Each structure stands twice: as C-alpha cells, then as structure tokens.
Protein backbone atom coordinates (compact mmCIF):
# COMPACT_ATOMS: atom_id res chain seq x y z
CA MET A 1 -9.90 4.43 22.07
CA LYS A 2 -8.46 1.99 24.41
CA LEU A 3 -6.42 0.07 21.23
CA ASN A 4 -5.78 -3.49 21.52
CA LEU A 5 -2.56 -3.94 19.38
CA TYR A 6 -1.04 -6.83 19.45
CA SER A 7 2.32 -5.05 18.14
CA ASN A 8 3.27 -1.13 19.35
CA ASN A 9 5.71 -0.80 16.22
CA THR A 10 4.67 1.83 13.24
CA ARG A 11 6.07 1.96 10.15
CA PHE A 12 7.40 4.42 7.23
CA ALA A 13 7.49 2.94 3.66
CA PRO A 14 8.36 5.39 1.49
CA SER A 15 9.16 4.19 -2.43
CA PRO A 16 12.21 6.04 -3.95
CA THR A 17 11.06 7.05 -7.23
CA GLY A 18 11.32 10.59 -6.48
CA HIS A 19 12.08 12.96 -2.96
CA MET A 20 9.56 13.76 0.20
CA HIS A 21 7.23 15.91 0.04
CA LEU A 22 4.99 17.24 3.41
CA GLY A 23 2.75 14.44 2.70
CA HIS A 24 5.79 12.04 3.26
CA VAL A 25 6.77 14.20 6.53
CA PHE A 26 3.02 14.25 7.52
CA SER A 27 2.91 10.42 7.15
CA ALA A 28 6.82 9.96 9.17
CA LEU A 29 6.05 12.16 11.68
CA PHE A 30 2.29 10.93 12.52
CA ALA A 31 3.80 7.10 12.05
CA TYR A 32 7.41 7.90 14.82
CA GLU A 33 5.34 10.43 16.98
CA ALA A 34 2.75 7.46 17.29
CA ALA A 35 5.48 4.90 17.90
CA LYS A 36 6.87 6.85 21.19
CA LYS A 37 3.99 7.09 22.19
CA LEU A 38 3.14 3.30 22.32
CA GLY A 39 6.69 2.24 23.11
CA GLY A 40 7.02 0.87 19.93
CA LYS A 41 10.02 0.63 17.13
CA PHE A 42 9.48 3.07 14.37
CA ILE A 43 10.16 0.75 11.12
CA LEU A 44 11.34 2.39 8.38
CA ARG A 45 11.30 -0.01 4.44
CA ILE A 46 12.20 0.93 1.38
CA GLU A 47 9.33 -0.49 -1.00
CA ASP A 48 11.34 -0.77 -4.12
CA ILE A 49 9.75 -3.21 -6.55
CA ASP A 50 9.84 -0.75 -9.10
CA SER A 51 13.10 -1.29 -10.18
CA GLN A 52 13.06 0.42 -12.81
CA ARG A 53 11.69 4.09 -10.88
CA SER A 54 13.32 3.44 -8.21
CA ASN A 55 16.95 4.96 -7.42
CA GLN A 56 19.53 5.08 -4.97
CA LEU A 57 19.98 8.87 -5.19
CA PHE A 58 15.88 8.88 -4.15
CA GLU A 59 16.80 6.73 -1.46
CA GLU A 60 19.78 8.49 0.06
CA SER A 61 17.85 11.71 0.11
CA ILE A 62 15.05 9.74 2.43
CA TYR A 63 18.25 8.79 4.20
CA GLU A 64 19.23 12.54 4.81
CA ASP A 65 15.80 14.39 4.66
CA LEU A 66 14.70 12.08 7.98
CA ASP A 67 17.87 12.66 9.50
CA TRP A 68 17.29 16.70 9.28
CA LEU A 69 14.04 15.84 10.43
CA GLU A 70 15.44 14.13 13.52
CA ILE A 71 13.22 10.82 13.00
CA LYS A 72 14.60 8.24 14.32
CA TYR A 73 14.04 4.53 13.08
CA VAL A 74 15.15 1.39 13.91
CA ASN A 75 18.89 0.53 11.79
CA GLU A 76 17.71 -2.54 10.40
CA ILE A 77 16.22 -1.40 7.21
CA ARG A 78 14.00 -4.09 4.99
CA HIS A 79 14.28 -3.65 1.14
CA GLN A 80 11.58 -4.80 -0.34
CA SER A 81 13.78 -5.52 -3.24
CA ASP A 82 15.82 -7.87 -1.37
CA HIS A 83 12.51 -10.53 -0.74
CA MET A 84 11.38 -11.46 -3.38
CA GLU A 85 11.11 -14.74 -2.09
CA ASP A 86 8.72 -14.17 0.58
CA TYR A 87 6.75 -12.69 -1.90
CA LYS A 88 6.67 -15.73 -4.45
CA ALA A 89 5.95 -18.56 -1.05
CA ALA A 90 3.34 -16.45 -1.01
CA ILE A 91 1.95 -16.30 -4.00
CA ASN A 92 2.29 -19.93 -4.79
CA GLU A 93 0.12 -20.53 -1.32
CA LEU A 94 -2.01 -18.27 -3.19
CA PHE A 95 -2.45 -20.78 -6.15
CA LYS A 96 -2.31 -24.01 -4.17
CA MET A 97 -5.69 -22.39 -2.67
CA GLY A 98 -7.01 -21.38 -5.72
CA MET A 99 -7.55 -18.30 -5.70
CA ILE A 100 -5.14 -16.42 -8.18
CA TYR A 101 -5.51 -17.25 -11.99
CA GLN A 102 -3.01 -16.00 -14.91
CA CYS A 103 -4.54 -12.94 -16.99
CA PHE A 104 -3.35 -12.64 -20.17
CA CYS A 105 -4.92 -9.64 -21.32
CA SER A 106 -3.86 -6.08 -22.21
CA ARG A 107 -5.00 -3.07 -20.85
CA SER A 108 -6.39 -2.04 -24.19
CA GLU A 109 -7.82 -5.33 -24.43
CA ILE A 110 -9.68 -5.36 -21.18
CA LYS A 111 -10.88 -1.76 -21.25
CA ALA A 112 -12.48 -2.63 -24.77
CA GLU A 113 -14.04 -5.87 -22.95
CA ILE A 114 -15.53 -3.22 -20.31
CA MET A 115 -16.87 -0.80 -23.26
CA ARG A 116 -19.21 -3.89 -25.51
CA ALA A 117 -20.32 -4.98 -21.36
CA GLY A 118 -22.71 -1.82 -21.94
CA ASN A 119 -22.89 0.83 -18.54
CA ALA A 120 -19.45 2.22 -19.35
CA PRO A 121 -17.84 3.63 -15.93
CA HIS A 122 -15.47 6.30 -15.93
CA GLU A 123 -12.59 6.28 -16.64
CA GLU A 124 -10.91 5.73 -12.92
CA ASP A 125 -13.41 2.59 -12.43
CA TYR A 126 -11.30 1.34 -15.60
CA SER A 127 -9.20 -0.73 -12.81
CA ILE A 128 -12.49 -3.22 -12.04
CA TYR A 129 -11.48 -6.26 -14.00
CA PRO A 130 -14.26 -7.99 -15.65
CA GLY A 131 -12.76 -11.85 -15.56
CA THR A 132 -12.54 -12.57 -18.83
CA CYS A 133 -9.40 -15.04 -18.19
CA ARG A 134 -11.32 -16.49 -15.39
CA ARG A 135 -13.29 -18.04 -17.77
CA LEU A 136 -10.23 -20.17 -19.43
CA SER A 137 -9.93 -23.50 -19.08
CA VAL A 138 -7.17 -25.17 -17.93
CA GLU A 139 -6.01 -26.39 -21.61
CA GLU A 140 -6.65 -22.69 -22.73
CA ARG A 141 -3.99 -22.32 -20.29
CA LYS A 142 -1.71 -24.44 -20.45
CA THR A 143 -1.92 -23.12 -24.55
CA LYS A 144 -1.21 -19.48 -23.36
CA ILE A 145 1.64 -20.13 -20.92
CA ASP A 146 3.29 -22.30 -23.75
CA GLN A 147 3.42 -19.12 -26.24
CA ASN A 148 5.39 -18.12 -23.48
CA LEU A 149 2.02 -15.44 -22.91
CA SER A 150 2.96 -12.57 -20.69
CA TYR A 151 0.64 -12.71 -17.90
CA ALA A 152 -0.88 -11.53 -14.25
CA TRP A 153 -1.56 -13.00 -11.10
CA ARG A 154 -4.67 -11.91 -10.39
CA LEU A 155 -7.08 -12.01 -7.08
CA ASN A 156 -9.85 -14.29 -7.46
CA ILE A 157 -12.49 -12.20 -5.58
CA ARG A 158 -15.06 -14.05 -5.78
CA ALA A 159 -13.41 -17.54 -4.25
CA ALA A 160 -12.05 -15.67 -1.31
CA SER A 161 -15.56 -14.13 -0.97
CA LYS A 162 -16.99 -17.55 -1.06
CA LYS A 163 -14.07 -19.11 1.63
CA LEU A 164 -13.89 -15.62 3.61
CA GLY A 165 -18.05 -14.30 3.76
CA ASN A 166 -18.08 -11.56 5.03
CA LEU A 167 -14.48 -9.18 6.61
CA ILE A 168 -15.22 -6.13 8.51
CA TRP A 169 -11.66 -4.24 9.96
CA ASN A 170 -11.64 -1.21 12.21
CA ASP A 171 -10.17 2.26 11.61
CA ILE A 172 -9.43 4.03 15.24
CA ARG A 173 -10.55 7.49 13.35
CA LEU A 174 -12.90 6.20 10.34
CA GLY A 175 -14.70 3.35 12.08
CA GLN A 176 -15.79 0.01 11.23
CA HIS A 177 -15.55 -1.12 7.37
CA THR A 178 -17.73 -3.93 5.30
CA VAL A 179 -15.33 -4.97 2.75
CA PRO A 180 -17.18 -3.97 -0.80
CA VAL A 181 -16.18 -6.79 -2.58
CA GLY A 182 -18.43 -5.71 -5.53
CA ILE A 183 -16.21 -2.72 -5.93
CA ILE A 184 -12.82 -4.18 -5.25
CA GLY A 185 -12.68 -7.22 -8.33
CA ASP A 186 -9.77 -9.02 -9.35
CA VAL A 187 -6.89 -7.39 -8.54
CA VAL A 188 -3.45 -7.87 -9.72
CA LEU A 189 -0.99 -9.19 -7.34
CA ALA A 190 1.81 -10.21 -9.28
CA ARG A 191 3.27 -10.34 -13.03
CA LYS A 192 5.10 -13.93 -14.67
CA ASP A 193 8.87 -11.27 -14.43
CA ILE A 194 7.92 -9.87 -11.39
CA PRO A 195 6.55 -12.29 -8.07
CA THR A 196 4.87 -9.32 -6.49
CA SER A 197 2.56 -5.89 -6.27
CA TYR A 198 2.08 -3.11 -3.79
CA HIS A 199 -0.58 -5.39 -1.99
CA LEU A 200 0.86 -8.13 -1.67
CA SER A 201 4.12 -7.57 -0.47
CA ALA A 202 3.44 -4.34 1.88
CA THR A 203 0.87 -7.05 2.94
CA LEU A 204 3.23 -9.57 3.73
CA ASP A 205 6.07 -6.97 5.28
CA ASP A 206 3.26 -5.37 7.92
CA HIS A 207 3.66 -8.70 8.80
CA ILE A 208 6.51 -10.02 9.17
CA GLN A 209 7.84 -6.97 11.30
CA LYS A 210 5.20 -7.20 13.23
CA ILE A 211 3.69 -3.68 12.25
CA GLY A 212 0.93 -3.26 14.85
CA LEU A 213 -0.57 -0.11 14.14
CA VAL A 214 -0.35 1.12 10.38
CA THR A 215 -1.88 4.94 9.99
CA ARG A 216 -1.60 5.92 6.18
CA GLY A 217 -4.05 8.69 4.51
CA GLU A 218 -7.56 7.89 3.47
CA ASP A 219 -6.82 7.55 -0.02
CA LEU A 220 -6.03 4.28 0.63
CA VAL A 221 -9.05 2.89 3.13
CA THR A 222 -9.57 0.90 -0.80
CA ALA A 223 -6.09 -1.10 -0.64
CA THR A 224 -6.80 -1.66 3.59
CA HIS A 225 -9.81 -3.77 2.20
CA ILE A 226 -7.19 -5.92 0.07
CA HIS A 227 -4.87 -6.18 2.40
CA LYS A 228 -7.27 -7.50 4.74
CA ILE A 229 -8.68 -10.32 2.16
CA LEU A 230 -5.09 -11.13 1.71
CA GLN A 231 -4.07 -11.84 5.70
CA MET A 232 -6.97 -13.78 5.81
CA LEU A 233 -6.49 -15.52 3.14
CA LEU A 234 -2.23 -16.10 4.23
CA GLY A 235 -3.06 -16.35 7.57
CA LEU A 236 -1.37 -12.86 8.99
CA LYS A 237 -1.70 -11.08 11.54
CA SER A 238 -3.74 -8.14 11.08
CA PRO A 239 -2.57 -5.33 12.62
CA THR A 240 -5.01 -1.66 13.48
CA TYR A 241 -5.50 0.87 11.02
CA LEU A 242 -5.58 5.12 11.62
CA HIS A 243 -6.47 6.54 8.26
CA HIS A 244 -5.34 9.92 8.86
CA PRO A 245 -6.65 12.70 6.26
CA LEU A 246 -4.53 14.12 3.15
CA ILE A 247 -2.41 17.01 3.62
CA MET A 248 -3.38 19.51 0.83
CA ASP A 249 -2.22 22.63 -0.33
CA THR A 250 -3.97 26.03 -0.45
CA LYS A 251 -5.99 25.38 -3.68
CA GLY A 252 -7.56 22.10 -2.08
CA VAL A 253 -4.61 19.87 -4.49
CA ARG A 254 -3.35 16.86 -2.84
CA LEU A 255 0.24 16.58 -1.92
CA SER A 256 2.04 14.35 -3.58
CA LYS A 257 4.44 13.59 -5.75
CA ARG A 258 2.43 13.84 -9.50
CA THR A 259 1.49 16.81 -8.26
CA ARG A 260 4.99 17.84 -7.95
CA ALA A 261 4.25 18.82 -4.20
CA GLN A 262 7.28 21.07 -2.25
CA THR A 263 9.92 18.39 -1.90
CA VAL A 264 11.66 18.58 1.80
CA LYS A 265 15.00 19.31 0.47
CA SER A 266 13.78 22.36 -1.56
CA LEU A 267 12.19 23.62 1.36
CA LYS A 268 16.35 23.10 3.02
CA ALA A 269 17.51 25.24 0.29
CA SER A 270 14.58 27.39 0.66
CA GLY A 271 16.07 28.35 4.16
CA LEU A 272 13.25 26.73 6.39
CA LYS A 273 14.48 24.65 9.30
CA ARG A 274 12.40 22.21 10.82
CA GLU A 275 10.61 23.57 12.84
CA ASP A 276 9.13 26.04 10.10
CA VAL A 277 8.42 22.24 8.00
CA ILE A 278 6.14 21.19 11.13
CA ASP A 279 4.40 24.42 10.98
CA LEU A 280 3.86 24.17 8.02
CA LEU A 281 1.15 20.67 8.65
CA GLY A 282 -0.15 21.79 11.19
CA LYS A 283 1.34 20.83 14.16
CA LYS A 284 -2.24 20.58 16.03
CA ASN A 285 -3.57 18.14 12.82
CA ILE A 286 -0.31 15.54 14.32
CA LEU A 287 -1.71 16.37 18.14
CA SER A 288 -5.38 15.75 17.43
CA LEU A 289 -4.78 12.21 15.34
CA LEU A 290 -1.65 10.71 18.86
CA SER A 291 -4.71 12.01 20.74
CA LEU A 292 -6.88 9.30 19.67
CA ILE A 293 -4.45 6.46 20.08
CA ASN A 294 -3.99 5.55 23.83
C-alpha cells in the first residue's frame, strides 16, 4: 500500500511494570524495522503514569533488552510521568468544550445499575458505563465536589458523536473502520488525582512526538476508535495505523504479562541468542507485515 504519512516516525511505548516478553519484542522489532524502511525515527516512550506499579528496575531492564536485541532508538526518551501538565491542559480543553464530565460512581455502583437495567451483559462488557453521572445537574455535581468525593473524568460520547458525526479511519492491514460509538461508551480519560489515562496520554504523546505510523496489536482496535475521537476533538494530527496479529504461544494463548509469557531476561539466561529469539517470533511474519509498507 502506498502510504501518505505526515511523518515517518514510529514508536515503542512499554510500561515499566514488568520485564519485556516475546510480545513486546515483536512490537518493538516491527516498529523499528518499519522506521528504517520509511527512513524515519524509531522513538522510545516510557508509559509510566501508573506510579504504584511502575518500577525503575523494570525500566532499566527494557533498555538492556533493547540493546541486546540491537534495536536502536533516538536518545530523547519521553516519560509520561514528566508531562502531567500536558495532559491536564488537554482535560481542561475538553471540559471547556463540554466533552467530559465528572463521574463519582464506584465500580460496584456501575455494575449494580447495569444489572438493574436488565439484559445484563457478559462480564467483559461491564466497562460500558450506563451514564449515571452524565445526568447529574450542576448543583448535584457541585455538592459532590464540595464533599471532596473522588471522581473520574469521563468522555461524553453522546456529545462527541453529535459534534463529530461519523468517524472513519484506515488500517494498512485491516482496511477501513467506522468508529462504533454505541459500543465505546463514556470511557475514563483521567481521575481526580491523576490527570490522564492510557487513552489520553498515548493520543497526545503520538501528536507531540510526531508519530506518523502507529503499529500495535489487533486487540487495540477499540482503543484506536477512542484515540481517533480524541484526535478530532483536540485538533491533533492523526497517524496511520497498522494493527498486527497477536503473538500466541504453542497453545494459542496470547503472549502478555498477564499470561506470564517468557521474558527476554529468561530467554537470555537460557542461552538463546538474538537470532534465536527472532526465529521464535517468525521472521517471515515480520517481513510479511513490512511488505505492506511502501
């Protein structure tokens, strides 16, 4: 496919909450090779907004693993924890536009309301917020704030949809997508004590760092829908996307931290070399994806 990128930069954005595993290696290696093919920069970002789980030892491990894999990145590394003011400014802008509101509900309260509504969804669908606090009056909202209650900032998907209309974006591998507003819901964009979320910070950082091609697993297509909405609301540049297949183990289980996928650290300790690790991922799979980029 002939691409029309506003920038040839790609990125790898791990969270320092564990050691790199094979899934990370595939994502990093593919983004690195894509940047080389395009003549752009390969940028490393550390997504460390989760201060409780982020660990400096894991961050150092990321650098060591990338060095061992011979994946070269530009010297300036963006740590999200250093840029909270950027995210706070974006939240303020969205608030002025009437696109977000404070939600004071606990998880148990949200689940109870969904159950009361009938046709209870499966467990994985409980993230679709029923809009309880969207209906609060200005006075009710002020009372709760005066009581110093905790809250989250939620996207008002109805207001965003009314303002933006139908949104369409293209994926190099998967083709055209229309943003399905109905299944996104009023997602959390920030909290009272943390002025950001994965969705807000990743979207804003891609713009600030001039990322022209975002490569990520196909399990993040829904996240891309949300990011497209935020790009349009905030007037940000939209990168081109390529969602690659998920990397599975021999039993068909996705490689991730949650499934305790083999780490680069353990593979190195077992005596494997860089070339062996790349062979485990299937070098032809990476080459096949790279062939989609011109």
